[in-house]
Amino acid sequence: MTPSHHFIRILALIFCLIGTEALAQRKTDVVHLYNGDKVTGEIKQLYGGILELSTDSMGRVRIEWPEVARVESKYHYEVRVSDGERLYGSFSNEARPGQLLLTDIFGRHELESLGVVEIRPVEETFIDRLDVYLSGTYGYTNASGVTQLAFNTEVSYEDEKSRNTLSARSEITETDEGSTSSTRINVNRGVWRLNRSDAFRTTFVNYEDNDELDLAYRIGVGAGLGRYVLDSHRTRLVGSGGLQVITEKNLGAETNQDVEAFFNLTYATWKFTTPELNVDLNFTLYPSVTDLGRLRSDSSLRLRWEMIEDLSWDITAWATSDNQVEDSDSYWDYSITTGIGWEF
């Protein structure tokens, strides 16, 4: 059997597992509205001021959070409030309107509904805790001036103590003179303090290569501290900083090691009115500690418009720079691509 047949079988098995988990999910949560109506289904999430509920009769229902009087469920959820605190428990049916009554092993927590920023089911299986986003894009890059094929992905796994993320992008460009490529892979782990407040520790590993910057490879390992600067129903701003050690090799040059500081800002905003829009902006500055005067940067921007459920139109842009590249024409490289993205 060829490798491609094995790959197809593995994909089929994954989709079967995902489908089986979806069929096994419950739809017994109850959402009470201020107008007296109540909706029974499965709470998928509260995010960006919209509560999403999966029902048998109406499909997926989106309800504006200020319209919700109270919620009851016997299943466990992660609840994040506006000051950054994160709690875990189930929703009691004894809450008054405008309140969430969260019950856990330590007792009850009375939360004002409008102070709750996010609700996320605490899934029991590994597959349910995975969030995966894939996109394939086709566009134009400044470095070569020709069309290119690009792939982007983000896979995240979150539990009660940490959030783990794998993000990757890869681009391949074919020209009459030959082919060029660039790749970047980031693996990041963020760990919260005991009370799951707005501060966290971060550790990461990253890999990068870029023909246009004459970079054969660069591997970085680092750690630092981060904080949620702004966190509301509509926007999120996160800052972090620390140190990383890099090992790199330029084309035709020897291997070099360096210690860098890093300062990162991540900004996200979203709207859930049709068409749904998500905007994610990431910027990182790398001033060298051991090679004074060297300064690198990396930034990315992603816009996603949802066309139908879980299928989006994706626009992705990125830029990277290094002021010590020997060829001054290659000091910057950037790309803008567009295509289709899928989330599950």
Protein backbone atom coordinates (compact mmCIF):
# COMPACT_ATOMS: atom_id res chain seq x y z
CA MET A 1 0.00 0.00 0.00
CA THR A 2 1.37 3.42 -0.96
CA PRO A 3 2.03 6.16 1.65
CA SER A 4 -0.79 8.24 0.17
CA HIS A 5 -3.28 5.43 0.91
CA HIS A 6 -2.06 5.29 4.51
CA PHE A 7 -2.47 9.06 4.78
CA ILE A 8 -6.05 8.90 3.45
CA ARG A 9 -6.92 6.14 5.93
CA ILE A 10 -5.51 8.18 8.82
CA LEU A 11 -7.55 11.23 7.78
CA ALA A 12 -10.69 9.10 7.52
CA LEU A 13 -10.09 7.71 11.02
CA ILE A 14 -9.63 11.23 12.46
CA PHE A 15 -12.87 12.46 10.90
CA CYS A 16 -14.73 9.38 12.14
CA LEU A 17 -13.48 10.02 15.67
CA ILE A 18 -14.49 13.68 15.48
CA GLY A 19 -17.88 12.74 14.10
CA THR A 20 -18.43 10.13 16.80
CA GLU A 21 -17.58 12.64 19.53
CA ALA A 22 -19.97 15.18 17.99
CA LEU A 23 -22.82 12.65 18.01
CA ALA A 24 -22.13 11.82 21.63
CA GLN A 25 -22.38 15.38 22.86
CA ARG A 26 -25.26 16.34 25.14
CA LYS A 27 -28.00 18.88 24.48
CA THR A 28 -29.51 19.33 27.95
CA ASP A 29 -28.21 22.80 28.90
CA VAL A 30 -30.93 25.41 29.46
CA VAL A 31 -30.60 29.13 28.65
CA HIS A 32 -33.29 31.43 30.10
CA LEU A 33 -33.89 34.77 28.36
CA TYR A 34 -35.22 37.97 29.89
CA ASN A 35 -38.29 37.85 27.62
CA GLY A 36 -39.36 34.60 29.30
CA ASP A 37 -38.23 32.22 26.55
CA LYS A 38 -35.85 29.37 27.23
CA VAL A 39 -33.68 27.41 24.84
CA THR A 40 -32.45 23.86 25.47
CA GLY A 41 -29.33 22.59 23.79
CA GLU A 42 -25.56 22.34 24.21
CA ILE A 43 -23.55 25.41 25.20
CA LYS A 44 -20.68 25.67 22.73
CA GLN A 45 -19.11 28.89 23.99
CA LEU A 46 -19.52 32.47 25.10
CA TYR A 47 -17.07 34.63 23.18
CA GLY A 48 -17.17 38.18 21.91
CA GLY A 49 -20.49 38.88 23.63
CA ILE A 50 -22.29 36.04 21.81
CA LEU A 51 -23.48 32.81 23.46
CA GLU A 52 -23.50 29.92 20.98
CA LEU A 53 -25.90 27.05 21.60
CA SER A 54 -26.29 23.87 19.53
CA THR A 55 -29.91 22.64 19.39
CA ASP A 56 -31.66 19.68 17.77
CA SER A 57 -34.52 21.65 16.22
CA MET A 58 -32.91 24.98 15.25
CA GLY A 59 -29.29 24.03 14.63
CA ARG A 60 -26.72 26.45 16.03
CA VAL A 61 -28.25 29.45 17.78
CA ARG A 62 -26.37 32.66 18.60
CA ILE A 63 -27.74 34.78 21.45
CA GLU A 64 -26.49 38.21 22.53
CA TRP A 65 -25.16 37.79 26.06
CA PRO A 66 -27.06 40.78 27.59
CA GLU A 67 -30.33 39.05 26.56
CA VAL A 68 -29.54 36.01 28.75
CA ALA A 69 -31.10 36.04 32.22
CA ARG A 70 -29.47 32.86 33.56
CA VAL A 71 -27.94 29.56 32.51
CA GLU A 72 -28.22 26.08 34.01
CA SER A 73 -26.13 23.02 33.20
CA LYS A 74 -24.83 19.96 35.04
CA TYR A 75 -21.70 19.85 32.89
CA HIS A 76 -18.43 21.60 33.71
CA TYR A 77 -17.22 24.84 32.15
CA GLU A 78 -14.32 27.23 32.33
CA VAL A 79 -15.56 30.75 33.10
CA ARG A 80 -13.34 33.80 32.62
CA VAL A 81 -14.33 37.13 34.15
CA SER A 82 -13.24 40.62 33.14
CA ASP A 83 -10.45 40.88 35.75
CA GLY A 84 -8.75 37.80 34.27
CA GLU A 85 -9.78 35.27 36.94
CA ARG A 86 -10.71 31.82 35.64
CA LEU A 87 -13.08 29.46 37.47
CA TYR A 88 -14.35 25.94 36.81
CA GLY A 89 -17.68 24.39 37.66
CA SER A 90 -21.29 23.77 36.65
CA PHE A 91 -24.18 26.25 36.50
CA SER A 92 -26.82 25.97 39.24
CA ASN A 93 -30.49 26.53 38.42
CA GLU A 94 -30.87 28.57 41.63
CA ALA A 95 -29.25 31.70 40.18
CA ARG A 96 -31.28 34.90 40.01
CA PRO A 97 -31.68 36.78 36.70
CA GLY A 98 -28.46 38.56 35.72
CA GLN A 99 -26.31 36.14 37.71
CA LEU A 100 -24.31 32.99 37.11
CA LEU A 101 -24.13 30.64 40.07
CA LEU A 102 -21.04 28.49 39.51
CA THR A 103 -20.69 25.39 41.69
CA ASP A 104 -17.38 23.55 42.20
CA ILE A 105 -15.74 21.40 44.88
CA PHE A 106 -15.00 24.51 46.99
CA GLY A 107 -18.57 25.80 47.04
CA ARG A 108 -20.52 28.39 45.06
CA HIS A 109 -19.34 31.47 43.21
CA GLU A 110 -21.85 34.23 42.54
CA LEU A 111 -20.91 36.03 39.33
CA GLU A 112 -22.64 38.97 37.69
CA SER A 113 -23.43 37.94 34.12
CA LEU A 114 -22.13 41.11 32.46
CA GLY A 115 -18.78 40.61 34.20
CA VAL A 116 -18.31 37.24 32.46
CA VAL A 117 -16.13 37.50 29.34
CA GLU A 118 -15.88 33.89 28.20
CA ILE A 119 -17.49 30.50 28.83
CA ARG A 120 -15.89 27.37 27.44
CA PRO A 121 -16.90 23.74 27.98
CA VAL A 122 -14.33 21.69 29.87
CA GLU A 123 -14.17 18.74 27.52
CA GLU A 124 -13.28 15.30 28.82
CA THR A 125 -11.46 13.91 25.77
CA PHE A 126 -8.28 15.06 24.05
CA ILE A 127 -10.00 15.50 20.68
CA ASP A 128 -12.71 17.74 22.13
CA ARG A 129 -10.09 20.04 23.65
CA LEU A 130 -8.36 20.56 20.32
CA ASP A 131 -9.08 23.64 18.18
CA VAL A 132 -7.76 23.40 14.63
CA TYR A 133 -7.67 26.03 11.90
CA LEU A 134 -6.35 25.29 8.41
CA SER A 135 -6.10 27.55 5.37
CA GLY A 136 -4.69 27.30 1.88
CA THR A 137 -4.01 30.57 0.10
CA TYR A 138 -2.85 31.79 -3.26
CA GLY A 139 -1.41 35.24 -3.67
CA TYR A 140 1.46 37.61 -4.40
CA THR A 141 4.74 38.08 -2.57
CA ASN A 142 7.00 41.13 -2.79
CA ALA A 143 10.21 39.12 -2.63
CA SER A 144 9.77 37.31 -5.97
CA GLY A 145 7.03 39.27 -7.72
CA VAL A 146 5.23 36.10 -8.80
CA THR A 147 2.34 34.02 -7.58
CA GLN A 148 2.82 31.57 -4.77
CA LEU A 149 1.20 28.74 -2.86
CA ALA A 150 0.87 29.15 0.91
CA PHE A 151 -0.41 27.05 3.80
CA ASN A 152 -1.29 28.28 7.30
CA THR A 153 -2.39 26.31 10.33
CA GLU A 154 -3.01 26.80 14.03
CA VAL A 155 -3.65 23.97 16.48
CA SER A 156 -4.35 24.70 20.14
CA TYR A 157 -5.03 22.59 23.20
CA GLU A 158 -6.20 24.12 26.47
CA ASP A 159 -6.73 22.54 29.87
CA GLU A 160 -7.22 23.85 33.40
CA LYS A 161 -3.58 24.93 33.79
CA SER A 162 -2.25 25.94 30.40
CA ARG A 163 -2.81 26.74 26.73
CA ASN A 164 -0.58 25.03 24.15
CA THR A 165 -0.41 26.31 20.59
CA LEU A 166 1.24 25.14 17.38
CA SER A 167 1.18 27.67 14.54
CA ALA A 168 2.88 27.25 11.18
CA ARG A 169 3.08 28.89 7.79
CA SER A 170 4.83 27.69 4.64
CA GLU A 171 5.15 29.28 1.21
CA ILE A 172 6.59 27.90 -2.02
CA THR A 173 7.30 30.09 -5.04
CA GLU A 174 8.21 28.87 -8.49
CA THR A 175 9.92 31.17 -11.02
CA ASP A 176 11.83 30.75 -14.26
CA GLU A 177 15.07 31.03 -12.31
CA GLY A 178 14.07 28.33 -9.82
CA SER A 179 12.07 27.98 -6.63
CA THR A 180 12.17 29.76 -3.28
CA SER A 181 10.47 28.97 -0.02
CA SER A 182 9.96 30.22 3.51
CA THR A 183 8.72 28.40 6.58
CA ARG A 184 7.98 29.41 10.16
CA ILE A 185 6.81 27.08 12.96
CA ASN A 186 6.04 28.17 16.53
CA VAL A 187 5.24 25.94 19.49
CA ASN A 188 4.13 27.92 22.55
CA ARG A 189 2.99 26.98 26.04
CA GLY A 190 1.37 29.49 28.38
CA VAL A 191 0.85 28.56 32.05
CA TRP A 192 -1.38 30.62 34.35
CA ARG A 193 -0.90 31.30 38.02
CA LEU A 194 -2.85 29.27 40.56
CA ASN A 195 -5.88 31.58 40.43
CA ARG A 196 -5.80 31.70 36.61
CA SER A 197 -5.58 35.48 36.64
CA ASP A 198 -4.38 37.77 33.87
CA ALA A 199 -0.63 36.98 34.24
CA PHE A 200 1.08 33.91 32.79
CA ARG A 201 4.44 32.30 32.08
CA THR A 202 5.37 31.45 28.52
CA THR A 203 7.88 29.01 27.03
CA PHE A 204 8.36 28.39 23.32
CA VAL A 205 10.36 26.81 20.52
CA ASN A 206 10.41 28.21 16.99
CA TYR A 207 11.90 27.32 13.63
CA GLU A 208 12.35 29.51 10.56
CA ASP A 209 13.94 29.37 7.13
CA ASN A 210 13.75 31.93 4.33
CA ASP A 211 15.54 31.79 0.97
CA GLU A 212 14.97 35.50 0.32
CA LEU A 213 16.81 36.42 3.55
CA ASP A 214 19.55 33.85 2.81
CA LEU A 215 18.51 32.02 5.96
CA ALA A 216 19.13 28.27 5.84
CA TYR A 217 17.54 27.81 9.27
CA ARG A 218 17.03 29.49 12.63
CA ILE A 219 15.98 27.63 15.78
CA GLY A 220 15.00 29.54 18.90
CA VAL A 221 14.20 28.43 22.47
CA GLY A 222 12.93 30.96 24.98
CA ALA A 223 10.87 31.83 28.03
CA GLY A 224 9.28 34.88 29.58
CA LEU A 225 6.28 36.45 31.30
CA GLY A 226 3.05 37.77 29.83
CA ARG A 227 -0.05 39.68 30.84
CA TYR A 228 -3.53 40.41 29.51
CA VAL A 229 -3.50 44.20 29.16
CA LEU A 230 -7.05 44.50 27.78
CA ASP A 231 -9.69 41.79 27.79
CA SER A 232 -13.33 42.48 26.98
CA HIS A 233 -16.23 41.16 24.91
CA ARG A 234 -14.86 42.88 21.79
CA THR A 235 -11.07 43.15 22.03
CA ARG A 236 -8.04 41.50 23.58
CA LEU A 237 -4.51 42.87 23.98
CA VAL A 238 -1.75 40.64 25.37
CA GLY A 239 1.87 41.60 26.01
CA SER A 240 4.85 39.39 26.84
CA GLY A 241 8.63 39.64 27.06
CA GLY A 242 11.68 37.56 27.92
CA LEU A 243 14.80 36.00 26.46
CA GLN A 244 15.55 33.41 23.80
CA VAL A 245 18.64 31.59 22.54
CA ILE A 246 18.90 31.13 18.77
CA THR A 247 21.06 28.91 16.58
CA GLU A 248 21.10 29.98 12.95
CA LYS A 249 22.88 29.37 9.69
CA ASN A 250 22.85 31.65 6.68
CA LEU A 251 23.32 30.21 3.20
CA GLY A 252 27.06 29.82 2.58
CA ALA A 253 27.99 30.87 6.13
CA GLU A 254 28.90 29.18 9.39
CA THR A 255 26.51 28.40 12.22
CA ASN A 256 25.96 31.28 14.64
CA GLN A 257 24.49 31.45 18.14
CA ASP A 258 22.95 34.51 19.72
CA VAL A 259 20.94 35.56 22.79
CA GLU A 260 18.02 37.88 22.13
CA ALA A 261 15.38 39.67 24.15
CA PHE A 262 11.85 39.53 22.79
CA PHE A 263 8.89 41.85 23.19
CA ASN A 264 5.56 40.68 21.82
CA LEU A 265 2.15 42.31 21.42
CA THR A 266 -0.91 40.35 20.29
CA TYR A 267 -4.15 42.16 19.47
CA ALA A 268 -7.47 40.57 18.53
CA THR A 269 -10.88 42.00 17.79
CA TRP A 270 -14.03 40.45 16.41
CA LYS A 271 -17.66 40.97 15.55
CA PHE A 272 -20.39 38.37 15.31
CA THR A 273 -22.94 40.25 13.23
CA THR A 274 -23.18 38.90 9.70
CA PRO A 275 -20.66 38.53 8.16
CA GLU A 276 -18.62 37.41 11.15
CA LEU A 277 -15.15 38.93 11.23
CA ASN A 278 -12.02 38.02 13.23
CA VAL A 279 -8.87 40.15 13.18
CA ASP A 280 -5.60 38.93 14.73
CA LEU A 281 -2.43 41.04 14.79
CA ASN A 282 0.89 39.82 16.16
CA PHE A 283 4.15 41.80 16.40
CA THR A 284 7.47 40.72 17.94
CA LEU A 285 10.71 42.67 18.26
CA TYR A 286 14.04 40.85 18.84
CA PRO A 287 16.91 43.11 20.00
CA SER A 288 20.12 41.12 20.33
CA VAL A 289 21.81 40.88 23.73
CA THR A 290 25.13 39.36 22.61
CA ASP A 291 25.40 41.10 19.20
CA LEU A 292 24.67 44.72 20.05
CA GLY A 293 23.08 46.69 17.25
CA ARG A 294 21.30 43.77 15.67
CA LEU A 295 17.52 44.04 15.53
CA ARG A 296 15.01 41.61 14.06
CA SER A 297 11.25 41.72 13.86
CA ASP A 298 8.37 39.46 12.88
CA SER A 299 4.74 40.43 12.40
CA SER A 300 1.57 38.86 11.06
CA LEU A 301 -2.01 39.91 10.35
CA ARG A 302 -4.96 37.60 9.71
CA LEU A 303 -8.50 38.59 8.74
CA ARG A 304 -11.23 35.97 8.58
CA TRP A 305 -14.76 36.44 7.28
CA GLU A 306 -17.05 33.46 7.90
CA MET A 307 -18.94 32.56 4.70
CA ILE A 308 -20.76 29.53 6.09
CA GLU A 309 -20.37 27.73 9.41
CA ASP A 310 -16.68 26.90 10.07
CA LEU A 311 -15.65 27.96 6.52
CA SER A 312 -14.00 31.37 6.14
CA TRP A 313 -12.45 33.67 3.59
CA ASP A 314 -8.89 34.19 4.84
CA ILE A 315 -6.47 37.07 4.21
CA THR A 316 -3.03 36.55 5.73
CA ALA A 317 -0.09 38.96 5.69
CA TRP A 318 3.32 38.68 7.31
CA ALA A 319 6.58 40.60 7.39
CA THR A 320 10.02 39.79 8.75
CA SER A 321 13.22 41.84 8.95
CA ASP A 322 16.85 41.55 10.01
CA ASN A 323 19.15 44.59 9.88
CA GLN A 324 22.28 42.42 9.60
CA VAL A 325 21.43 40.62 6.37
CA GLU A 326 24.42 41.11 4.05
CA ASP A 327 22.23 41.86 1.03
CA SER A 328 20.50 45.15 1.86
CA ASP A 329 17.80 44.40 -0.72
CA SER A 330 16.75 41.44 1.46
CA TYR A 331 16.52 43.42 4.70
CA TRP A 332 12.71 42.96 4.55
CA ASP A 333 10.54 40.19 3.25
CA TYR A 334 6.77 40.23 3.33
CA SER A 335 3.79 38.48 1.81
CA ILE A 336 0.05 38.93 1.35
CA THR A 337 -2.09 35.90 0.46
CA THR A 338 -5.76 35.10 0.32
CA GLY A 339 -7.82 31.91 0.19
CA ILE A 340 -10.13 29.56 2.09
CA GLY A 341 -9.85 28.63 5.78
CA TRP A 342 -11.55 25.84 7.74
CA GLU A 343 -12.02 25.57 11.50
CA PHE A 344 -13.02 22.52 13.54
